[in-house]
Amino acid sequence: NLGRNPLMGYWGFFMEDAQTAELERSLGRL
């Protein structure tokens, strides 16, 4: 949850793709 900051709601549109990419990079480093 990105919290109650109204500007974070806009980041929410990109969070799933951005975090999925970060998880994939981290699994490569693992």
PDB file of all heavy atoms in Angstrom:
ATOM      1  N   ASN A   1       0.856  -1.167   0.000  1.00  0.00           N
ATOM      2  CA  ASN A   1       0.000   0.000   0.000  1.00  0.00           C
ATOM      3  C   ASN A   1       0.898   1.224   0.000  1.00  0.00           C
ATOM      4  O   ASN A   1       1.834   1.304   0.794  1.00  0.00           O
ATOM      5  CB  ASN A   1      -0.909  -0.008   1.227  1.00  0.00           C
ATOM      6  CG  ASN A   1      -1.865   1.155   1.218  1.00  0.00           C
ATOM      7  OD1 ASN A   1      -1.476   2.287   1.464  1.00  0.00           O
ATOM      8  ND2 ASN A   1      -3.113   0.880   0.917  1.00  0.00           N
ATOM      9  N   LEU A   2       0.626   2.149  -0.889  1.00  0.00           N
ATOM     10  CA  LEU A   2       1.452   3.336  -1.054  1.00  0.00           C
ATOM     11  C   LEU A   2       1.120   4.453  -0.070  1.00  0.00           C
ATOM     12  O   LEU A   2       1.734   5.513  -0.109  1.00  0.00           O
ATOM     13  CB  LEU A   2       1.335   3.859  -2.488  1.00  0.00           C
ATOM     14  CG  LEU A   2       1.841   2.893  -3.549  1.00  0.00           C
ATOM     15  CD1 LEU A   2       1.463   3.381  -4.934  1.00  0.00           C
ATOM     16  CD2 LEU A   2       3.335   2.706  -3.435  1.00  0.00           C
ATOM     17  N   GLY A   3       0.155   4.242   0.787  1.00  0.00           N
ATOM     18  CA  GLY A   3      -0.182   5.249   1.785  1.00  0.00           C
ATOM     19  C   GLY A   3      -1.206   6.251   1.283  1.00  0.00           C
ATOM     20  O   GLY A   3      -1.780   6.108   0.209  1.00  0.00           O
ATOM     21  N   ARG A   4      -1.432   7.289   2.064  1.00  0.00           N
ATOM     22  CA  ARG A   4      -2.513   8.230   1.789  1.00  0.00           C
ATOM     23  C   ARG A   4      -2.057   9.497   1.073  1.00  0.00           C
ATOM     24  O   ARG A   4      -2.833  10.429   0.924  1.00  0.00           O
ATOM     25  CB  ARG A   4      -3.204   8.564   3.102  1.00  0.00           C
ATOM     26  CG  ARG A   4      -3.767   7.302   3.765  1.00  0.00           C
ATOM     27  CD  ARG A   4      -4.664   7.559   4.920  1.00  0.00           C
ATOM     28  NE  ARG A   4      -5.869   8.288   4.656  1.00  0.00           N
ATOM     29  CZ  ARG A   4      -6.961   7.814   4.051  1.00  0.00           C
ATOM     30  NH1 ARG A   4      -6.954   6.606   3.572  1.00  0.00           N
ATOM     31  NH2 ARG A   4      -8.028   8.560   3.914  1.00  0.00           N
ATOM     32  N   ASN A   5      -0.840   9.550   0.620  1.00  0.00           N
ATOM     33  CA  ASN A   5      -0.353  10.712  -0.120  1.00  0.00           C
ATOM     34  C   ASN A   5      -1.061  10.737  -1.482  1.00  0.00           C
ATOM     35  O   ASN A   5      -0.961   9.786  -2.250  1.00  0.00           O
ATOM     36  CB  ASN A   5       1.159  10.596  -0.309  1.00  0.00           C
ATOM     37  CG  ASN A   5       1.757  11.770  -1.052  1.00  0.00           C
ATOM     38  OD1 ASN A   5       1.105  12.425  -1.853  1.00  0.00           O
ATOM     39  ND2 ASN A   5       3.018  12.026  -0.783  1.00  0.00           N
ATOM     40  N   PRO A   6      -1.788  11.809  -1.807  1.00  0.00           N
ATOM     41  CA  PRO A   6      -2.550  11.831  -3.061  1.00  0.00           C
ATOM     42  C   PRO A   6      -1.680  11.723  -4.310  1.00  0.00           C
ATOM     43  O   PRO A   6      -2.143  11.262  -5.351  1.00  0.00           O
ATOM     44  CB  PRO A   6      -3.304  13.162  -3.024  1.00  0.00           C
ATOM     45  CG  PRO A   6      -2.647  13.983  -1.986  1.00  0.00           C
ATOM     46  CD  PRO A   6      -1.977  13.038  -1.035  1.00  0.00           C
ATOM     47  N   LEU A   7      -0.428  12.102  -4.219  1.00  0.00           N
ATOM     48  CA  LEU A   7       0.448  11.982  -5.386  1.00  0.00           C
ATOM     49  C   LEU A   7       0.898  10.543  -5.609  1.00  0.00           C
ATOM     50  O   LEU A   7       1.231  10.163  -6.729  1.00  0.00           O
ATOM     51  CB  LEU A   7       1.648  12.917  -5.251  1.00  0.00           C
ATOM     52  CG  LEU A   7       1.294  14.406  -5.191  1.00  0.00           C
ATOM     53  CD1 LEU A   7       2.547  15.238  -4.998  1.00  0.00           C
ATOM     54  CD2 LEU A   7       0.549  14.829  -6.446  1.00  0.00           C
ATOM     55  N   MET A   8       0.913   9.717  -4.550  1.00  0.00           N
ATOM     56  CA  MET A   8       1.320   8.321  -4.696  1.00  0.00           C
ATOM     57  C   MET A   8       0.289   7.517  -5.486  1.00  0.00           C
ATOM     58  O   MET A   8       0.622   6.493  -6.069  1.00  0.00           O
ATOM     59  CB  MET A   8       1.570   7.689  -3.326  1.00  0.00           C
ATOM     60  CG  MET A   8       2.775   8.281  -2.602  1.00  0.00           C
ATOM     61  SD  MET A   8       4.292   8.249  -3.563  1.00  0.00           S
ATOM     62  CE  MET A   8       4.730   6.533  -3.444  1.00  0.00           C
ATOM     63  N   GLY A   9      -0.953   7.953  -5.503  1.00  0.00           N
ATOM     64  CA  GLY A   9      -1.964   7.266  -6.302  1.00  0.00           C
ATOM     65  C   GLY A   9      -1.577   7.201  -7.775  1.00  0.00           C
ATOM     66  O   GLY A   9      -1.830   6.212  -8.457  1.00  0.00           O
ATOM     67  N   TYR A  10      -0.922   8.241  -8.260  1.00  0.00           N
ATOM     68  CA  TYR A  10      -0.468   8.242  -9.648  1.00  0.00           C
ATOM     69  C   TYR A  10       0.664   7.231  -9.847  1.00  0.00           C
ATOM     70  O   TYR A  10       0.738   6.576 -10.876  1.00  0.00           O
ATOM     71  CB  TYR A  10      -0.013   9.648 -10.066  1.00  0.00           C
ATOM     72  CG  TYR A  10      -1.174  10.607 -10.135  1.00  0.00           C
ATOM     73  CD1 TYR A  10      -1.462  11.456  -9.081  1.00  0.00           C
ATOM     74  CD2 TYR A  10      -2.000  10.629 -11.251  1.00  0.00           C
ATOM     75  CE1 TYR A  10      -2.543  12.318  -9.134  1.00  0.00           C
ATOM     76  CE2 TYR A  10      -3.082  11.494 -11.314  1.00  0.00           C
ATOM     77  CZ  TYR A  10      -3.352  12.335 -10.256  1.00  0.00           C
ATOM     78  OH  TYR A  10      -4.420  13.179 -10.312  1.00  0.00           O
ATOM     79  N   TRP A  11       1.549   7.114  -8.854  1.00  0.00           N
ATOM     80  CA  TRP A  11       2.629   6.126  -8.931  1.00  0.00           C
ATOM     81  C   TRP A  11       2.042   4.718  -8.944  1.00  0.00           C
ATOM     82  O   TRP A  11       2.605   3.802  -9.529  1.00  0.00           O
ATOM     83  CB  TRP A  11       3.603   6.308  -7.774  1.00  0.00           C
ATOM     84  CG  TRP A  11       4.696   5.288  -7.763  1.00  0.00           C
ATOM     85  CD1 TRP A  11       4.943   4.391  -6.787  1.00  0.00           C
ATOM     86  CD2 TRP A  11       5.664   5.036  -8.787  1.00  0.00           C
ATOM     87  NE1 TRP A  11       6.007   3.592  -7.136  1.00  0.00           N
ATOM     88  CE2 TRP A  11       6.466   3.978  -8.366  1.00  0.00           C
ATOM     89  CE3 TRP A  11       5.924   5.609 -10.031  1.00  0.00           C
ATOM     90  CZ2 TRP A  11       7.510   3.473  -9.126  1.00  0.00           C
ATOM     91  CZ3 TRP A  11       6.968   5.095 -10.790  1.00  0.00           C
ATOM     92  CH2 TRP A  11       7.746   4.049 -10.333  1.00  0.00           C
ATOM     93  N   GLY A  12       0.876   4.550  -8.303  1.00  0.00           N
ATOM     94  CA  GLY A  12       0.218   3.245  -8.266  1.00  0.00           C
ATOM     95  C   GLY A  12      -0.046   2.670  -9.650  1.00  0.00           C
ATOM     96  O   GLY A  12      -0.063   1.448  -9.821  1.00  0.00           O
ATOM     97  N   PHE A  13      -0.231   3.521 -10.653  1.00  0.00           N
ATOM     98  CA  PHE A  13      -0.441   3.038 -12.020  1.00  0.00           C
ATOM     99  C   PHE A  13       0.771   2.269 -12.540  1.00  0.00           C
ATOM    100  O   PHE A  13       0.645   1.375 -13.364  1.00  0.00           O
ATOM    101  CB  PHE A  13      -0.710   4.200 -12.990  1.00  0.00           C
ATOM    102  CG  PHE A  13      -2.091   4.765 -12.900  1.00  0.00           C
ATOM    103  CD1 PHE A  13      -2.273   6.106 -12.604  1.00  0.00           C
ATOM    104  CD2 PHE A  13      -3.199   3.973 -13.126  1.00  0.00           C
ATOM    105  CE1 PHE A  13      -3.550   6.636 -12.538  1.00  0.00           C
ATOM    106  CE2 PHE A  13      -4.475   4.493 -13.057  1.00  0.00           C
ATOM    107  CZ  PHE A  13      -4.653   5.828 -12.756  1.00  0.00           C
ATOM    108  N   PHE A  14       1.963   2.626 -12.066  1.00  0.00           N
ATOM    109  CA  PHE A  14       3.200   2.039 -12.570  1.00  0.00           C
ATOM    110  C   PHE A  14       3.836   1.049 -11.600  1.00  0.00           C
ATOM    111  O   PHE A  14       4.776   0.366 -11.963  1.00  0.00           O
ATOM    112  CB  PHE A  14       4.211   3.162 -12.867  1.00  0.00           C
ATOM    113  CG  PHE A  14       3.655   4.229 -13.744  1.00  0.00           C
ATOM    114  CD1 PHE A  14       3.245   5.441 -13.215  1.00  0.00           C
ATOM    115  CD2 PHE A  14       3.509   4.014 -15.105  1.00  0.00           C
ATOM    116  CE1 PHE A  14       2.710   6.426 -14.023  1.00  0.00           C
ATOM    117  CE2 PHE A  14       2.984   5.000 -15.929  1.00  0.00           C
ATOM    118  CZ  PHE A  14       2.584   6.201 -15.377  1.00  0.00           C
ATOM    119  N   MET A  15       3.332   0.991 -10.379  1.00  0.00           N
ATOM    120  CA  MET A  15       3.989   0.223  -9.332  1.00  0.00           C
ATOM    121  C   MET A  15       4.078  -1.263  -9.655  1.00  0.00           C
ATOM    122  O   MET A  15       5.124  -1.873  -9.441  1.00  0.00           O
ATOM    123  CB  MET A  15       3.268   0.439  -7.998  1.00  0.00           C
ATOM    124  CG  MET A  15       3.976  -0.144  -6.832  1.00  0.00           C
ATOM    125  SD  MET A  15       5.601   0.619  -6.615  1.00  0.00           S
ATOM    126  CE  MET A  15       6.179  -0.277  -5.210  1.00  0.00           C
ATOM    127  N   GLU A  16       3.017  -1.860 -10.153  1.00  0.00           N
ATOM    128  CA  GLU A  16       3.047  -3.298 -10.427  1.00  0.00           C
ATOM    129  C   GLU A  16       4.144  -3.643 -11.435  1.00  0.00           C
ATOM    130  O   GLU A  16       4.959  -4.537 -11.195  1.00  0.00           O
ATOM    131  CB  GLU A  16       1.699  -3.792 -10.941  1.00  0.00           C
ATOM    132  CG  GLU A  16       1.671  -5.289 -11.154  1.00  0.00           C
ATOM    133  CD  GLU A  16       0.303  -5.798 -11.548  1.00  0.00           C
ATOM    134  OE1 GLU A  16      -0.713  -5.229 -11.116  1.00  0.00           O
ATOM    135  OE2 GLU A  16       0.257  -6.798 -12.301  1.00  0.00           O
ATOM    136  N   ASP A  17       4.201  -2.929 -12.536  1.00  0.00           N
ATOM    137  CA  ASP A  17       5.235  -3.198 -13.545  1.00  0.00           C
ATOM    138  C   ASP A  17       6.635  -2.897 -13.015  1.00  0.00           C
ATOM    139  O   ASP A  17       7.564  -3.678 -13.217  1.00  0.00           O
ATOM    140  CB  ASP A  17       4.986  -2.388 -14.814  1.00  0.00           C
ATOM    141  CG  ASP A  17       3.758  -2.866 -15.581  1.00  0.00           C
ATOM    142  OD1 ASP A  17       3.332  -4.025 -15.384  1.00  0.00           O
ATOM    143  OD2 ASP A  17       3.226  -2.070 -16.371  1.00  0.00           O
ATOM    144  N   ALA A  18       6.773  -1.785 -12.321  1.00  0.00           N
ATOM    145  CA  ALA A  18       8.094  -1.402 -11.799  1.00  0.00           C
ATOM    146  C   ALA A  18       8.574  -2.405 -10.754  1.00  0.00           C
ATOM    147  O   ALA A  18       9.739  -2.827 -10.766  1.00  0.00           O
ATOM    148  CB  ALA A  18       8.046   0.001 -11.210  1.00  0.00           C
ATOM    149  N   GLN A  19       7.688  -2.818  -9.864  1.00  0.00           N
ATOM    150  CA  GLN A  19       8.111  -3.740  -8.808  1.00  0.00           C
ATOM    151  C   GLN A  19       8.320  -5.149  -9.354  1.00  0.00           C
ATOM    152  O   GLN A  19       9.229  -5.848  -8.908  1.00  0.00           O
ATOM    153  CB  GLN A  19       7.107  -3.751  -7.654  1.00  0.00           C
ATOM    154  CG  GLN A  19       7.614  -4.445  -6.423  1.00  0.00           C
ATOM    155  CD  GLN A  19       8.866  -3.800  -5.823  1.00  0.00           C
ATOM    156  OE1 GLN A  19       9.254  -2.688  -6.168  1.00  0.00           O
ATOM    157  NE2 GLN A  19       9.516  -4.508  -4.936  1.00  0.00           N
ATOM    158  N   THR A  20       7.521  -5.570 -10.331  1.00  0.00           N
ATOM    159  CA  THR A  20       7.753  -6.876 -10.960  1.00  0.00           C
ATOM    160  C   THR A  20       9.135  -6.904 -11.596  1.00  0.00           C
ATOM    161  O   THR A  20       9.885  -7.879 -11.443  1.00  0.00           O
ATOM    162  CB  THR A  20       6.662  -7.181 -12.007  1.00  0.00           C
ATOM    163  OG1 THR A  20       5.404  -7.293 -11.324  1.00  0.00           O
ATOM    164  CG2 THR A  20       6.947  -8.468 -12.765  1.00  0.00           C
ATOM    165  N   ALA A  21       9.522  -5.845 -12.283  1.00  0.00           N
ATOM    166  CA  ALA A  21      10.854  -5.769 -12.891  1.00  0.00           C
ATOM    167  C   ALA A  21      11.943  -5.821 -11.818  1.00  0.00           C
ATOM    168  O   ALA A  21      12.967  -6.485 -12.002  1.00  0.00           O
ATOM    169  CB  ALA A  21      10.987  -4.495 -13.732  1.00  0.00           C
ATOM    170  N   GLU A  22      11.721  -5.145 -10.694  1.00  0.00           N
ATOM    171  CA  GLU A  22      12.714  -5.170  -9.612  1.00  0.00           C
ATOM    172  C   GLU A  22      12.818  -6.567  -8.999  1.00  0.00           C
ATOM    173  O   GLU A  22      13.912  -7.034  -8.692  1.00  0.00           O
ATOM    174  CB  GLU A  22      12.362  -4.141  -8.533  1.00  0.00           C
ATOM    175  CG  GLU A  22      13.380  -4.075  -7.413  1.00  0.00           C
ATOM    176  CD  GLU A  22      14.793  -3.751  -7.874  1.00  0.00           C
ATOM    177  OE1 GLU A  22      14.969  -2.969  -8.823  1.00  0.00           O
ATOM    178  OE2 GLU A  22      15.748  -4.307  -7.279  1.00  0.00           O
ATOM    179  N   LEU A  23      11.698  -7.246  -8.829  1.00  0.00           N
ATOM    180  CA  LEU A  23      11.732  -8.620  -8.300  1.00  0.00           C
ATOM    181  C   LEU A  23      12.510  -9.530  -9.245  1.00  0.00           C
ATOM    182  O   LEU A  23      13.321 -10.358  -8.799  1.00  0.00           O
ATOM    183  CB  LEU A  23      10.314  -9.166  -8.100  1.00  0.00           C
ATOM    184  CG  LEU A  23       9.423  -8.469  -7.069  1.00  0.00           C
ATOM    185  CD1 LEU A  23       8.069  -9.160  -6.997  1.00  0.00           C
ATOM    186  CD2 LEU A  23      10.065  -8.370  -5.719  1.00  0.00           C
ATOM    187  N   GLU A  24      12.283  -9.383 -10.540  1.00  0.00           N
ATOM    188  CA  GLU A  24      13.001 -10.207 -11.526  1.00  0.00           C
ATOM    189  C   GLU A  24      14.503  -9.935 -11.479  1.00  0.00           C
ATOM    190  O   GLU A  24      15.309 -10.872 -11.523  1.00  0.00           O
ATOM    191  CB  GLU A  24      12.433  -9.972 -12.927  1.00  0.00           C
ATOM    192  CG  GLU A  24      11.046 -10.551 -13.084  1.00  0.00           C
ATOM    193  CD  GLU A  24      10.343 -10.132 -14.368  1.00  0.00           C
ATOM    194  OE1 GLU A  24      10.843  -9.231 -15.086  1.00  0.00           O
ATOM    195  OE2 GLU A  24       9.267 -10.707 -14.649  1.00  0.00           O
ATOM    196  N   ARG A  25      14.896  -8.653 -11.386  1.00  0.00           N
ATOM    197  CA  ARG A  25      16.325  -8.319 -11.280  1.00  0.00           C
ATOM    198  C   ARG A  25      16.930  -8.928 -10.015  1.00  0.00           C
ATOM    199  O   ARG A  25      18.033  -9.482 -10.039  1.00  0.00           O
ATOM    200  CB  ARG A  25      16.535  -6.803 -11.276  1.00  0.00           C
ATOM    201  CG  ARG A  25      16.530  -6.172 -12.649  1.00  0.00           C
ATOM    202  CD  ARG A  25      16.980  -4.714 -12.609  1.00  0.00           C
ATOM    203  NE  ARG A  25      16.123  -3.846 -11.817  1.00  0.00           N
ATOM    204  CZ  ARG A  25      15.012  -3.266 -12.263  1.00  0.00           C
ATOM    205  NH1 ARG A  25      14.619  -3.474 -13.508  1.00  0.00           N
ATOM    206  NH2 ARG A  25      14.302  -2.496 -11.487  1.00  0.00           N
ATOM    207  N   SER A  26      16.211  -8.818  -8.910  1.00  0.00           N
ATOM    208  CA  SER A  26      16.713  -9.348  -7.649  1.00  0.00           C
ATOM    209  C   SER A  26      16.835 -10.871  -7.696  1.00  0.00           C
ATOM    210  O   SER A  26      17.804 -11.426  -7.162  1.00  0.00           O
ATOM    211  CB  SER A  26      15.809  -8.926  -6.488  1.00  0.00           C
ATOM    212  OG  SER A  26      15.904  -7.536  -6.277  1.00  0.00           O
ATOM    213  N   LEU A  27      15.889 -11.552  -8.330  1.00  0.00           N
ATOM    214  CA  LEU A  27      15.998 -13.006  -8.458  1.00  0.00           C
ATOM    215  C   LEU A  27      17.206 -13.395  -9.304  1.00  0.00           C
ATOM    216  O   LEU A  27      17.854 -14.405  -9.039  1.00  0.00           O
ATOM    217  CB  LEU A  27      14.718 -13.606  -9.034  1.00  0.00           C
ATOM    218  CG  LEU A  27      13.525 -13.653  -8.082  1.00  0.00           C
ATOM    219  CD1 LEU A  27      12.287 -14.171  -8.802  1.00  0.00           C
ATOM    220  CD2 LEU A  27      13.825 -14.482  -6.840  1.00  0.00           C
ATOM    221  N   GLY A  28      17.534 -12.596 -10.304  1.00  0.00           N
ATOM    222  CA  GLY A  28      18.752 -12.826 -11.081  1.00  0.00           C
ATOM    223  C   GLY A  28      19.994 -12.695 -10.210  1.00  0.00           C
ATOM    224  O   GLY A  28      20.928 -13.500 -10.300  1.00  0.00           O
ATOM    225  N   ARG A  29      20.002 -11.672  -9.322  1.00  0.00           N
ATOM    226  CA  ARG A  29      21.130 -11.493  -8.406  1.00  0.00           C
ATOM    227  C   ARG A  29      21.175 -12.617  -7.368  1.00  0.00           C
ATOM    228  O   ARG A  29      22.254 -13.035  -6.948  1.00  0.00           O
ATOM    229  CB  ARG A  29      21.064 -10.121  -7.734  1.00  0.00           C
ATOM    230  CG  ARG A  29      21.358  -8.985  -8.715  1.00  0.00           C
ATOM    231  CD  ARG A  29      21.526  -7.641  -8.027  1.00  0.00           C
ATOM    232  NE  ARG A  29      20.367  -7.208  -7.279  1.00  0.00           N
ATOM    233  CZ  ARG A  29      19.434  -6.362  -7.731  1.00  0.00           C
ATOM    234  NH1 ARG A  29      19.532  -5.858  -8.940  1.00  0.00           N
ATOM    235  NH2 ARG A  29      18.419  -6.023  -6.966  1.00  0.00           N
ATOM    236  N   LEU A  30      20.008 -13.133  -6.961  1.00  0.00           N
ATOM    237  CA  LEU A  30      19.963 -14.281  -6.049  1.00  0.00           C
ATOM    238  C   LEU A  30      20.611 -15.492  -6.709  1.00  0.00           C
ATOM    239  O   LEU A  30      21.434 -16.179  -6.099  1.00  0.00           O
ATOM    240  CB  LEU A  30      18.516 -14.594  -5.650  1.00  0.00           C
ATOM    241  CG  LEU A  30      18.311 -15.842  -4.791  1.00  0.00           C
ATOM    242  CD1 LEU A  30      18.990 -15.686  -3.432  1.00  0.00           C
ATOM    243  CD2 LEU A  30      16.816 -16.110  -4.624  1.00  0.00           C
TER     244      LEU A  30
END
